[in-house]
Amino acid sequence: MKNNQSHTIPYQLLLAAILLPLLFLNSCKKKQETFDATGTFEAIETIISAEAMGTIQAFNLEEGQELKADELVGYIDTVQLYLKKKQLESQAKALLGKKPSVNTQLAALQSQLKTAMQERTRIQNLLLEDAVPAKQLDDINAQIDLIQKQLAAQRSTLNLSVSGIDQDVQPLEVQLLQLDDQLQKSKIINPIGGTVLAKYAEAKEMASVGKPLYKIADLSVLTLRVYFSGDQLPEIRLNQQVRVFTDDGKEGMKETVGRISWINDKAEFTPKTIQTKNERANQVYAVKVLVKNDGTYKIGMYGEVKLN
């Protein structure tokens, strides 16, 4: 029995001698894998809402679909708007049909004036030869003066009539512009390129102004919002390149490069879910790091940052 015990003790010592260095190396490795800041990925999410009221006649998009800017994805019923537009166009056309033609209305008087002017010239020539009495020249001058006054009065009346009709048509033209705007807003046009994150409506549903239709975000570049403690601020600057790490799903880390695009100028209390280099820091500074997305990064995914 004594011999067996004497062999057991050295074996345990040998096992401890092997395991302790491994544990030490493992702890050192974990220590080396600490990061300067941790945060989550986010994107600018835009909720697109209806700009018109009516039944959604078509709505051709699905969650996860890539959309281009200015792409037509559906439209809202426009029958009533179209009918109202045709009614206003008819009213405007009827009013414009009553507008008098100034030149046509004055043509007769202008012809009389032209004839009288020619007659005055003839009389003036005859008067030089003493072939006619001077009274004829006075009479023709009086006639010309009368015709000119009639022309001025008629032109003023016609201009007032034209101006009144134009003023009556202007409100109709403004209403037509409003209807054109409403008809344009009845089209569901995607304003920005990106990926559809959520769909809130379906075709044949009733839409109202301001009703959310879908949510979209550009996922080609994501923002990693991380937090640095105050003593780390001297180490960071705008447009600085940093190393970004994420879990690759295989007990390893995927590394890429990011760029600091924004540094908050005000401190805030450390978020409960965020670990910083100095865990004892009560206040931290939010920092945005832009990261090109190759499709592996998702909104809400955790990421870590190393400054060097």
C-alpha atoms as a PDB file:
ATOM      1  CA  MET A   1       0.000   0.000   0.000  1.00  0.00           C
ATOM      2  CA  LYS A   2       2.764   2.433   0.819  1.00  0.00           C
ATOM      3  CA  ASN A   3       4.405   1.767  -2.507  1.00  0.00           C
ATOM      4  CA  ASN A   4       1.155   2.529  -4.402  1.00  0.00           C
ATOM      5  CA  GLN A   5       0.686   5.839  -2.576  1.00  0.00           C
ATOM      6  CA  SER A   6       4.242   6.838  -3.302  1.00  0.00           C
ATOM      7  CA  HIS A   7       3.541   6.363  -7.030  1.00  0.00           C
ATOM      8  CA  THR A   8       0.201   8.299  -6.943  1.00  0.00           C
ATOM      9  CA  ILE A   9       1.576  11.540  -5.505  1.00  0.00           C
ATOM     10  CA  PRO A  10       4.142  12.171  -8.238  1.00  0.00           C
ATOM     11  CA  TYR A  11       1.495  11.508 -10.907  1.00  0.00           C
ATOM     12  CA  GLN A  12      -0.828  14.202  -9.454  1.00  0.00           C
ATOM     13  CA  LEU A  13       2.036  16.628  -9.265  1.00  0.00           C
ATOM     14  CA  LEU A  14       2.870  15.896 -12.886  1.00  0.00           C
ATOM     15  CA  LEU A  15      -0.752  16.491 -13.981  1.00  0.00           C
ATOM     16  CA  ALA A  16      -0.868  19.791 -12.102  1.00  0.00           C
ATOM     17  CA  ALA A  17       2.400  20.838 -13.671  1.00  0.00           C
ATOM     18  CA  ILE A  18       0.877  20.302 -17.128  1.00  0.00           C
ATOM     19  CA  LEU A  19      -2.556  21.900 -16.504  1.00  0.00           C
ATOM     20  CA  LEU A  20      -1.450  25.039 -14.667  1.00  0.00           C
ATOM     21  CA  PRO A  21       0.568  26.485 -17.567  1.00  0.00           C
ATOM     22  CA  LEU A  22      -2.313  25.728 -19.938  1.00  0.00           C
ATOM     23  CA  LEU A  23      -4.758  27.529 -17.684  1.00  0.00           C
ATOM     24  CA  PHE A  24      -2.348  30.439 -17.430  1.00  0.00           C
ATOM     25  CA  LEU A  25      -1.956  30.629 -21.196  1.00  0.00           C
ATOM     26  CA  ASN A  26      -5.733  30.470 -21.642  1.00  0.00           C
ATOM     27  CA  SER A  27      -6.259  33.303 -19.190  1.00  0.00           C
ATOM     28  CA  CYS A  28      -3.613  35.360 -20.968  1.00  0.00           C
ATOM     29  CA  LYS A  29      -5.294  34.685 -24.292  1.00  0.00           C
ATOM     30  CA  LYS A  30      -8.645  35.865 -22.931  1.00  0.00           C
ATOM     31  CA  LYS A  31      -6.970  38.933 -21.531  1.00  0.00           C
ATOM     32  CA  GLN A  32      -5.493  39.703 -24.928  1.00  0.00           C
ATOM     33  CA  GLU A  33      -8.949  39.499 -26.513  1.00  0.00           C
ATOM     34  CA  THR A  34     -10.338  42.448 -24.563  1.00  0.00           C
ATOM     35  CA  PHE A  35     -11.617  45.306 -26.726  1.00  0.00           C
ATOM     36  CA  ASP A  36     -11.512  49.062 -26.386  1.00  0.00           C
ATOM     37  CA  ALA A  37     -15.260  49.501 -26.925  1.00  0.00           C
ATOM     38  CA  THR A  38     -18.376  47.458 -27.577  1.00  0.00           C
ATOM     39  CA  GLY A  39     -21.688  48.331 -29.172  1.00  0.00           C
ATOM     40  CA  THR A  40     -24.385  47.325 -31.624  1.00  0.00           C
ATOM     41  CA  PHE A  41     -24.921  47.888 -35.330  1.00  0.00           C
ATOM     42  CA  GLU A  42     -27.675  50.234 -36.445  1.00  0.00           C
ATOM     43  CA  ALA A  43     -28.895  51.879 -39.632  1.00  0.00           C
ATOM     44  CA  ILE A  44     -30.947  54.918 -40.586  1.00  0.00           C
ATOM     45  CA  GLU A  45     -34.442  53.439 -40.786  1.00  0.00           C
ATOM     46  CA  THR A  46     -37.053  55.415 -42.736  1.00  0.00           C
ATOM     47  CA  ILE A  47     -40.786  54.767 -42.406  1.00  0.00           C
ATOM     48  CA  ILE A  48     -42.603  55.544 -45.650  1.00  0.00           C
ATOM     49  CA  SER A  49     -46.198  56.690 -45.119  1.00  0.00           C
ATOM     50  CA  ALA A  50     -49.172  57.216 -47.421  1.00  0.00           C
ATOM     51  CA  GLU A  51     -49.613  60.742 -48.789  1.00  0.00           C
ATOM     52  CA  ALA A  52     -53.150  60.220 -50.090  1.00  0.00           C
ATOM     53  CA  MET A  53     -56.423  58.738 -48.899  1.00  0.00           C
ATOM     54  CA  GLY A  54     -58.119  55.822 -50.631  1.00  0.00           C
ATOM     55  CA  THR A  55     -57.907  52.125 -51.381  1.00  0.00           C
ATOM     56  CA  ILE A  56     -54.433  50.758 -52.092  1.00  0.00           C
ATOM     57  CA  GLN A  57     -54.895  49.322 -55.580  1.00  0.00           C
ATOM     58  CA  ALA A  58     -51.378  47.901 -55.945  1.00  0.00           C
ATOM     59  CA  PHE A  59     -48.495  47.453 -53.525  1.00  0.00           C
ATOM     60  CA  ASN A  60     -45.654  45.425 -55.025  1.00  0.00           C
ATOM     61  CA  LEU A  61     -42.974  44.909 -52.408  1.00  0.00           C
ATOM     62  CA  GLU A  62     -41.975  42.317 -49.819  1.00  0.00           C
ATOM     63  CA  GLU A  63     -39.834  42.352 -46.695  1.00  0.00           C
ATOM     64  CA  GLY A  64     -36.182  41.849 -47.555  1.00  0.00           C
ATOM     65  CA  GLN A  65     -36.639  43.218 -51.074  1.00  0.00           C
ATOM     66  CA  GLU A  66     -34.042  45.623 -52.470  1.00  0.00           C
ATOM     67  CA  LEU A  67     -35.573  48.825 -53.823  1.00  0.00           C
ATOM     68  CA  LYS A  68     -34.073  51.607 -55.898  1.00  0.00           C
ATOM     69  CA  ALA A  69     -34.648  55.298 -55.291  1.00  0.00           C
ATOM     70  CA  ASP A  70     -37.674  56.739 -57.163  1.00  0.00           C
ATOM     71  CA  GLU A  71     -38.986  53.239 -57.908  1.00  0.00           C
ATOM     72  CA  LEU A  72     -42.783  52.951 -58.246  1.00  0.00           C
ATOM     73  CA  VAL A  73     -44.023  50.250 -55.857  1.00  0.00           C
ATOM     74  CA  GLY A  74     -47.791  50.855 -55.892  1.00  0.00           C
ATOM     75  CA  TYR A  75     -50.598  53.369 -56.121  1.00  0.00           C
ATOM     76  CA  ILE A  76     -53.750  54.471 -54.295  1.00  0.00           C
ATOM     77  CA  ASP A  77     -57.160  54.776 -55.990  1.00  0.00           C
ATOM     78  CA  THR A  78     -57.422  58.057 -57.939  1.00  0.00           C
ATOM     79  CA  VAL A  79     -60.828  57.804 -59.648  1.00  0.00           C
ATOM     80  CA  GLN A  80     -62.485  60.593 -57.641  1.00  0.00           C
ATOM     81  CA  LEU A  81     -59.491  62.880 -58.034  1.00  0.00           C
ATOM     82  CA  TYR A  82     -59.471  62.298 -61.788  1.00  0.00           C
ATOM     83  CA  LEU A  83     -63.193  63.061 -62.122  1.00  0.00           C
ATOM     84  CA  LYS A  84     -62.831  66.249 -60.090  1.00  0.00           C
ATOM     85  CA  LYS A  85     -59.946  67.315 -62.296  1.00  0.00           C
ATOM     86  CA  LYS A  86     -62.036  66.814 -65.453  1.00  0.00           C
ATOM     87  CA  GLN A  87     -64.844  68.903 -63.921  1.00  0.00           C
ATOM     88  CA  LEU A  88     -62.489  71.782 -63.120  1.00  0.00           C
ATOM     89  CA  GLU A  89     -60.962  71.621 -66.603  1.00  0.00           C
ATOM     90  CA  SER A  90     -64.462  71.937 -68.120  1.00  0.00           C
ATOM     91  CA  GLN A  91     -65.259  74.943 -65.927  1.00  0.00           C
ATOM     92  CA  ALA A  92     -61.990  76.646 -66.856  1.00  0.00           C
ATOM     93  CA  LYS A  93     -62.573  75.955 -70.547  1.00  0.00           C
ATOM     94  CA  ALA A  94     -66.101  77.420 -70.373  1.00  0.00           C
ATOM     95  CA  LEU A  95     -64.847  80.603 -68.729  1.00  0.00           C
ATOM     96  CA  LEU A  96     -62.015  81.018 -71.217  1.00  0.00           C
ATOM     97  CA  GLY A  97     -64.537  80.596 -74.037  1.00  0.00           C
ATOM     98  CA  LYS A  98     -66.238  83.795 -72.843  1.00  0.00           C
ATOM     99  CA  LYS A  99     -63.055  85.798 -73.090  1.00  0.00           C
ATOM    100  CA  PRO A 100     -63.472  88.406 -75.875  1.00  0.00           C
ATOM    101  CA  SER A 101     -60.926  88.832 -78.631  1.00  0.00           C
ATOM    102  CA  VAL A 102     -59.700  92.392 -78.221  1.00  0.00           C
ATOM    103  CA  ASN A 103     -58.263  92.699 -81.740  1.00  0.00           C
ATOM    104  CA  THR A 104     -61.429  91.329 -83.359  1.00  0.00           C
ATOM    105  CA  GLN A 105     -63.702  93.600 -81.357  1.00  0.00           C
ATOM    106  CA  LEU A 106     -61.630  96.685 -82.245  1.00  0.00           C
ATOM    107  CA  ALA A 107     -61.114  95.807 -85.888  1.00  0.00           C
ATOM    108  CA  ALA A 108     -64.183  97.785 -87.113  1.00  0.00           C
ATOM    109  CA  LEU A 109     -63.234 100.991 -85.302  1.00  0.00           C
ATOM    110  CA  GLN A 110     -59.608 100.669 -86.381  1.00  0.00           C
ATOM    111  CA  SER A 111     -60.786 100.358 -89.990  1.00  0.00           C
ATOM    112  CA  GLN A 112     -62.918 103.502 -89.614  1.00  0.00           C
ATOM    113  CA  LEU A 113     -59.936 105.338 -88.122  1.00  0.00           C
ATOM    114  CA  LYS A 114     -57.721 104.296 -91.002  1.00  0.00           C
ATOM    115  CA  THR A 115     -60.263 105.518 -93.563  1.00  0.00           C
ATOM    116  CA  ALA A 116     -60.690 108.846 -91.728  1.00  0.00           C
ATOM    117  CA  MET A 117     -56.926 109.365 -91.628  1.00  0.00           C
ATOM    118  CA  GLN A 118     -56.704 108.806 -95.374  1.00  0.00           C
ATOM    119  CA  GLU A 119     -59.573 111.230 -95.935  1.00  0.00           C
ATOM    120  CA  ARG A 120     -57.829 113.887 -93.853  1.00  0.00           C
ATOM    121  CA  THR A 121     -54.707 113.524 -95.963  1.00  0.00           C
ATOM    122  CA  ARG A 122     -56.767 113.988 -99.152  1.00  0.00           C
ATOM    123  CA  ILE A 123     -58.513 117.077 -97.732  1.00  0.00           C
ATOM    124  CA  GLN A 124     -55.207 118.597 -96.639  1.00  0.00           C
ATOM    125  CA  ASN A 125     -53.864 118.254-100.186  1.00  0.00           C
ATOM    126  CA  LEU A 126     -57.005 119.835-101.662  1.00  0.00           C
ATOM    127  CA  LEU A 127     -56.868 122.625 -99.121  1.00  0.00           C
ATOM    128  CA  LEU A 128     -53.386 123.579-100.331  1.00  0.00           C
ATOM    129  CA  GLU A 129     -54.903 124.186-103.755  1.00  0.00           C
ATOM    130  CA  ASP A 130     -57.883 126.048-102.267  1.00  0.00           C
ATOM    131  CA  ALA A 131     -60.143 123.395-103.791  1.00  0.00           C
ATOM    132  CA  VAL A 132     -62.147 122.770-100.582  1.00  0.00           C
ATOM    133  CA  PRO A 133     -63.186 124.932 -97.634  1.00  0.00           C
ATOM    134  CA  ALA A 134     -61.231 124.755 -94.368  1.00  0.00           C
ATOM    135  CA  LYS A 135     -64.338 123.519 -92.559  1.00  0.00           C
ATOM    136  CA  GLN A 136     -63.962 120.063 -94.152  1.00  0.00           C
ATOM    137  CA  LEU A 137     -60.574 119.663 -92.490  1.00  0.00           C
ATOM    138  CA  ASP A 138     -62.058 120.655 -89.138  1.00  0.00           C
ATOM    139  CA  ASP A 139     -64.870 118.153 -89.593  1.00  0.00           C
ATOM    140  CA  ILE A 140     -62.552 115.255 -90.450  1.00  0.00           C
ATOM    141  CA  ASN A 141     -60.279 116.065 -87.483  1.00  0.00           C
ATOM    142  CA  ALA A 142     -63.310 115.997 -85.189  1.00  0.00           C
ATOM    143  CA  GLN A 143     -64.352 112.632 -86.654  1.00  0.00           C
ATOM    144  CA  ILE A 144     -60.867 111.184 -86.139  1.00  0.00           C
ATOM    145  CA  ASP A 145     -60.839 112.410 -82.532  1.00  0.00           C
ATOM    146  CA  LEU A 146     -64.212 110.765 -81.900  1.00  0.00           C
ATOM    147  CA  ILE A 147     -63.112 107.440 -83.358  1.00  0.00           C
ATOM    148  CA  GLN A 148     -59.919 107.461 -81.250  1.00  0.00           C
ATOM    149  CA  LYS A 149     -61.936 108.079 -78.092  1.00  0.00           C
ATOM    150  CA  GLN A 150     -64.309 105.244 -79.024  1.00  0.00           C
ATOM    151  CA  LEU A 151     -61.309 102.940 -79.571  1.00  0.00           C
ATOM    152  CA  ALA A 152     -59.842 103.833 -76.159  1.00  0.00           C
ATOM    153  CA  ALA A 153     -63.151 103.273 -74.398  1.00  0.00           C
ATOM    154  CA  GLN A 154     -63.774  99.977 -76.192  1.00  0.00           C
ATOM    155  CA  ARG A 155     -60.235  98.748 -75.470  1.00  0.00           C
ATOM    156  CA  SER A 156     -60.606  99.606 -71.786  1.00  0.00           C
ATOM    157  CA  THR A 157     -63.923  97.735 -71.560  1.00  0.00           C
ATOM    158  CA  LEU A 158     -62.526  94.669 -73.318  1.00  0.00           C
ATOM    159  CA  ASN A 159     -59.384  94.641 -71.173  1.00  0.00           C
ATOM    160  CA  LEU A 160     -61.497  94.769 -68.014  1.00  0.00           C
ATOM    161  CA  SER A 161     -63.588  91.879 -69.303  1.00  0.00           C
ATOM    162  CA  VAL A 162     -60.506  89.808 -70.159  1.00  0.00           C
ATOM    163  CA  SER A 163     -58.904  90.604 -66.787  1.00  0.00           C
ATOM    164  CA  GLY A 164     -62.079  89.592 -64.909  1.00  0.00           C
ATOM    165  CA  ILE A 165     -62.293  86.261 -66.708  1.00  0.00           C
ATOM    166  CA  ASP A 166     -58.582  85.599 -66.070  1.00  0.00           C
ATOM    167  CA  GLN A 167     -59.114  86.265 -62.369  1.00  0.00           C
ATOM    168  CA  ASP A 168     -62.063  83.859 -62.339  1.00  0.00           C
ATOM    169  CA  VAL A 169     -59.939  81.166 -64.004  1.00  0.00           C
ATOM    170  CA  GLN A 170     -56.937  81.535 -61.650  1.00  0.00           C
ATOM    171  CA  PRO A 171     -58.580  79.782 -58.643  1.00  0.00           C
ATOM    172  CA  LEU A 172     -59.540  76.909 -60.947  1.00  0.00           C
ATOM    173  CA  GLU A 173     -55.971  76.653 -62.189  1.00  0.00           C
ATOM    174  CA  VAL A 174     -54.696  76.534 -58.594  1.00  0.00           C
ATOM    175  CA  GLN A 175     -57.193  73.770 -57.793  1.00  0.00           C
ATOM    176  CA  LEU A 176     -55.996  71.869 -60.852  1.00  0.00           C
ATOM    177  CA  LEU A 177     -52.394  72.144 -59.629  1.00  0.00           C
ATOM    178  CA  GLN A 178     -53.507  70.840 -56.232  1.00  0.00           C
ATOM    179  CA  LEU A 179     -55.246  67.900 -57.880  1.00  0.00           C
ATOM    180  CA  ASP A 180     -52.149  67.158 -59.956  1.00  0.00           C
ATOM    181  CA  ASP A 181     -50.122  67.120 -56.737  1.00  0.00           C
ATOM    182  CA  GLN A 182     -52.648  64.793 -55.069  1.00  0.00           C
ATOM    183  CA  LEU A 183     -52.627  62.512 -58.108  1.00  0.00           C
ATOM    184  CA  GLN A 184     -48.834  62.381 -57.974  1.00  0.00           C
ATOM    185  CA  LYS A 185     -48.917  61.611 -54.245  1.00  0.00           C
ATOM    186  CA  SER A 186     -51.332  58.757 -54.937  1.00  0.00           C
ATOM    187  CA  LYS A 187     -48.377  56.986 -56.491  1.00  0.00           C
ATOM    188  CA  ILE A 188     -46.313  55.096 -53.906  1.00  0.00           C
ATOM    189  CA  ILE A 189     -42.784  55.982 -54.966  1.00  0.00           C
ATOM    190  CA  ASN A 190     -39.847  54.715 -52.946  1.00  0.00           C
ATOM    191  CA  PRO A 191     -37.740  57.767 -51.993  1.00  0.00           C
ATOM    192  CA  ILE A 192     -34.414  56.082 -51.120  1.00  0.00           C
ATOM    193  CA  GLY A 193     -32.527  53.004 -52.175  1.00  0.00           C
ATOM    194  CA  GLY A 194     -32.317  50.233 -49.589  1.00  0.00           C
ATOM    195  CA  THR A 195     -33.797  47.058 -48.146  1.00  0.00           C
ATOM    196  CA  VAL A 196     -37.395  46.725 -46.983  1.00  0.00           C
ATOM    197  CA  LEU A 197     -37.262  45.916 -43.253  1.00  0.00           C
ATOM    198  CA  ALA A 198     -40.998  45.746 -42.522  1.00  0.00           C
ATOM    199  CA  LYS A 199     -44.270  45.965 -44.447  1.00  0.00           C
ATOM    200  CA  TYR A 200     -47.281  47.477 -42.689  1.00  0.00           C
ATOM    201  CA  ALA A 201     -49.992  47.435 -45.380  1.00  0.00           C
ATOM    202  CA  GLU A 202     -51.357  45.249 -48.159  1.00  0.00           C
ATOM    203  CA  ALA A 203     -53.142  45.856 -51.445  1.00  0.00           C
ATOM    204  CA  LYS A 204     -56.908  46.510 -51.174  1.00  0.00           C
ATOM    205  CA  GLU A 205     -56.529  47.958 -47.683  1.00  0.00           C
ATOM    206  CA  MET A 206     -57.719  51.494 -46.950  1.00  0.00           C
ATOM    207  CA  ALA A 207     -54.973  54.085 -46.681  1.00  0.00           C
ATOM    208  CA  SER A 208     -55.114  57.458 -44.996  1.00  0.00           C
ATOM    209  CA  VAL A 209     -52.668  60.339 -45.069  1.00  0.00           C
ATOM    210  CA  GLY A 210     -49.788  59.508 -42.729  1.00  0.00           C
ATOM    211  CA  LYS A 211     -50.513  55.774 -42.477  1.00  0.00           C
ATOM    212  CA  PRO A 212     -47.194  53.823 -42.372  1.00  0.00           C
ATOM    213  CA  LEU A 213     -46.773  51.584 -45.401  1.00  0.00           C
ATOM    214  CA  TYR A 214     -43.280  50.118 -44.973  1.00  0.00           C
ATOM    215  CA  LYS A 215     -39.885  50.665 -43.375  1.00  0.00           C
ATOM    216  CA  ILE A 216     -36.678  50.794 -45.397  1.00  0.00           C
ATOM    217  CA  ALA A 217     -32.985  51.236 -44.650  1.00  0.00           C
ATOM    218  CA  ASP A 218     -29.765  51.354 -46.642  1.00  0.00           C
ATOM    219  CA  LEU A 219     -27.784  48.351 -45.358  1.00  0.00           C
ATOM    220  CA  SER A 220     -24.757  48.779 -47.612  1.00  0.00           C
ATOM    221  CA  VAL A 221     -23.062  50.758 -44.835  1.00  0.00           C
ATOM    222  CA  LEU A 222     -24.005  50.197 -41.191  1.00  0.00           C
ATOM    223  CA  THR A 223     -23.182  52.276 -38.152  1.00  0.00           C
ATOM    224  CA  LEU A 224     -21.610  50.609 -35.121  1.00  0.00           C
ATOM    225  CA  ARG A 225     -22.488  52.742 -32.096  1.00  0.00           C
ATOM    226  CA  VAL A 226     -19.904  52.137 -29.375  1.00  0.00           C
ATOM    227  CA  TYR A 227     -19.001  53.873 -26.121  1.00  0.00           C
ATOM    228  CA  PHE A 228     -15.593  55.093 -24.927  1.00  0.00           C
ATOM    229  CA  SER A 229     -14.689  56.254 -21.474  1.00  0.00           C
ATOM    230  CA  GLY A 230     -13.352  59.740 -20.896  1.00  0.00           C
ATOM    231  CA  ASP A 231      -9.731  58.634 -20.549  1.00  0.00           C
ATOM    232  CA  GLN A 232      -9.929  57.054 -24.021  1.00  0.00           C
ATOM    233  CA  LEU A 233     -11.014  60.264 -25.779  1.00  0.00           C
ATOM    234  CA  PRO A 234      -7.442  61.454 -26.501  1.00  0.00           C
ATOM    235  CA  GLU A 235      -6.936  58.244 -28.488  1.00  0.00           C
ATOM    236  CA  ILE A 236      -9.820  58.778 -30.934  1.00  0.00           C
ATOM    237  CA  ARG A 237     -10.536  61.362 -33.639  1.00  0.00           C
ATOM    238  CA  LEU A 238     -12.914  61.875 -36.546  1.00  0.00           C
ATOM    239  CA  ASN A 239     -12.227  59.823 -39.723  1.00  0.00           C
ATOM    240  CA  GLN A 240      -9.875  57.572 -37.756  1.00  0.00           C
ATOM    241  CA  GLN A 241      -9.739  53.976 -38.982  1.00  0.00           C
ATOM    242  CA  VAL A 242     -10.358  51.305 -36.356  1.00  0.00           C
ATOM    243  CA  ARG A 243     -10.549  47.527 -36.294  1.00  0.00           C
ATOM    244  CA  VAL A 244     -14.035  46.083 -35.931  1.00  0.00           C
ATOM    245  CA  PHE A 245     -14.677  42.550 -34.697  1.00  0.00           C
ATOM    246  CA  THR A 246     -17.830  40.448 -34.743  1.00  0.00           C
ATOM    247  CA  ASP A 247     -18.611  36.856 -33.824  1.00  0.00           C
ATOM    248  CA  ASP A 248     -18.173  34.645 -36.900  1.00  0.00           C
ATOM    249  CA  GLY A 249     -20.372  31.860 -35.471  1.00  0.00           C
ATOM    250  CA  LYS A 250     -17.434  29.446 -35.283  1.00  0.00           C
ATOM    251  CA  GLU A 251     -16.053  30.493 -31.909  1.00  0.00           C
ATOM    252  CA  GLY A 252     -13.874  32.998 -33.724  1.00  0.00           C
ATOM    253  CA  MET A 253     -13.954  36.664 -34.625  1.00  0.00           C
ATOM    254  CA  LYS A 254     -14.474  38.283 -38.025  1.00  0.00           C
ATOM    255  CA  GLU A 255     -12.348  41.395 -38.479  1.00  0.00           C
ATOM    256  CA  THR A 256     -12.932  44.371 -40.754  1.00  0.00           C
ATOM    257  CA  VAL A 257     -12.074  48.071 -40.912  1.00  0.00           C
ATOM    258  CA  GLY A 258     -14.356  50.893 -39.835  1.00  0.00           C
ATOM    259  CA  ARG A 259     -14.151  54.695 -39.810  1.00  0.00           C
ATOM    260  CA  ILE A 260     -15.142  56.990 -36.950  1.00  0.00           C
ATOM    261  CA  SER A 261     -17.763  59.387 -38.340  1.00  0.00           C
ATOM    262  CA  TRP A 262     -19.102  61.025 -35.173  1.00  0.00           C
ATOM    263  CA  ILE A 263     -18.035  61.593 -31.584  1.00  0.00           C
ATOM    264  CA  ASN A 264     -20.579  62.858 -29.087  1.00  0.00           C
ATOM    265  CA  ASP A 265     -19.466  66.039 -27.353  1.00  0.00           C
ATOM    266  CA  LYS A 266     -21.510  65.214 -24.268  1.00  0.00           C
ATOM    267  CA  ALA A 267     -20.992  62.414 -21.798  1.00  0.00           C
ATOM    268  CA  GLU A 268     -23.772  60.032 -20.796  1.00  0.00           C
ATOM    269  CA  PHE A 269     -24.186  57.255 -18.278  1.00  0.00           C
ATOM    270  CA  THR A 270     -22.883  53.859 -19.389  1.00  0.00           C
ATOM    271  CA  PRO A 271     -25.663  51.754 -21.013  1.00  0.00           C
ATOM    272  CA  LYS A 272     -26.294  48.577 -19.023  1.00  0.00           C
ATOM    273  CA  THR A 273     -25.612  46.323 -22.009  1.00  0.00           C
ATOM    274  CA  ILE A 274     -22.308  47.964 -22.955  1.00  0.00           C
ATOM    275  CA  GLN A 275     -18.878  47.092 -21.582  1.00  0.00           C
ATOM    276  CA  THR A 276     -16.066  49.604 -21.936  1.00  0.00           C
ATOM    277  CA  LYS A 277     -12.356  49.282 -21.433  1.00  0.00           C
ATOM    278  CA  ASN A 278     -12.700  50.887 -18.036  1.00  0.00           C
ATOM    279  CA  GLU A 279     -15.775  49.206 -16.534  1.00  0.00           C
ATOM    280  CA  ARG A 280     -15.625  51.478 -13.508  1.00  0.00           C
ATOM    281  CA  ALA A 281     -16.317  54.576 -15.623  1.00  0.00           C
ATOM    282  CA  ASN A 282     -19.695  56.078 -14.737  1.00  0.00           C
ATOM    283  CA  GLN A 283     -19.951  58.166 -17.887  1.00  0.00           C
ATOM    284  CA  VAL A 284     -18.956  57.439 -21.461  1.00  0.00           C
ATOM    285  CA  TYR A 285     -19.019  59.096 -24.899  1.00  0.00           C
ATOM    286  CA  ALA A 286     -20.978  57.638 -27.772  1.00  0.00           C
ATOM    287  CA  VAL A 287     -19.065  57.147 -31.022  1.00  0.00           C
ATOM    288  CA  LYS A 288     -20.343  56.111 -34.457  1.00  0.00           C
ATOM    289  CA  VAL A 289     -18.171  53.869 -36.612  1.00  0.00           C
ATOM    290  CA  LEU A 290     -19.144  53.400 -40.274  1.00  0.00           C
ATOM    291  CA  VAL A 291     -18.650  49.840 -41.514  1.00  0.00           C
ATOM    292  CA  LYS A 292     -19.144  48.619 -45.082  1.00  0.00           C
ATOM    293  CA  ASN A 293     -21.573  45.732 -45.046  1.00  0.00           C
ATOM    294  CA  ASP A 294     -20.820  42.663 -47.133  1.00  0.00           C
ATOM    295  CA  GLY A 295     -24.108  41.124 -46.059  1.00  0.00           C
ATOM    296  CA  THR A 296     -22.900  39.543 -42.835  1.00  0.00           C
ATOM    297  CA  TYR A 297     -23.657  42.465 -40.538  1.00  0.00           C
ATOM    298  CA  LYS A 298     -27.219  42.877 -39.255  1.00  0.00           C
ATOM    299  CA  ILE A 299     -29.032  45.586 -37.325  1.00  0.00           C
ATOM    300  CA  GLY A 300     -28.753  44.856 -33.608  1.00  0.00           C
ATOM    301  CA  MET A 301     -25.678  42.626 -33.947  1.00  0.00           C
ATOM    302  CA  TYR A 302     -22.944  43.184 -31.378  1.00  0.00           C
ATOM    303  CA  GLY A 303     -19.543  44.450 -32.463  1.00  0.00           C
ATOM    304  CA  GLU A 304     -16.258  45.281 -30.773  1.00  0.00           C
ATOM    305  CA  VAL A 305     -13.696  47.931 -31.615  1.00  0.00           C
ATOM    306  CA  LYS A 306      -9.956  48.014 -31.213  1.00  0.00           C
ATOM    307  CA  LEU A 307      -8.125  51.264 -31.812  1.00  0.00           C
ATOM    308  CA  ASN A 308      -4.910  49.530 -32.916  1.00  0.00           C
END
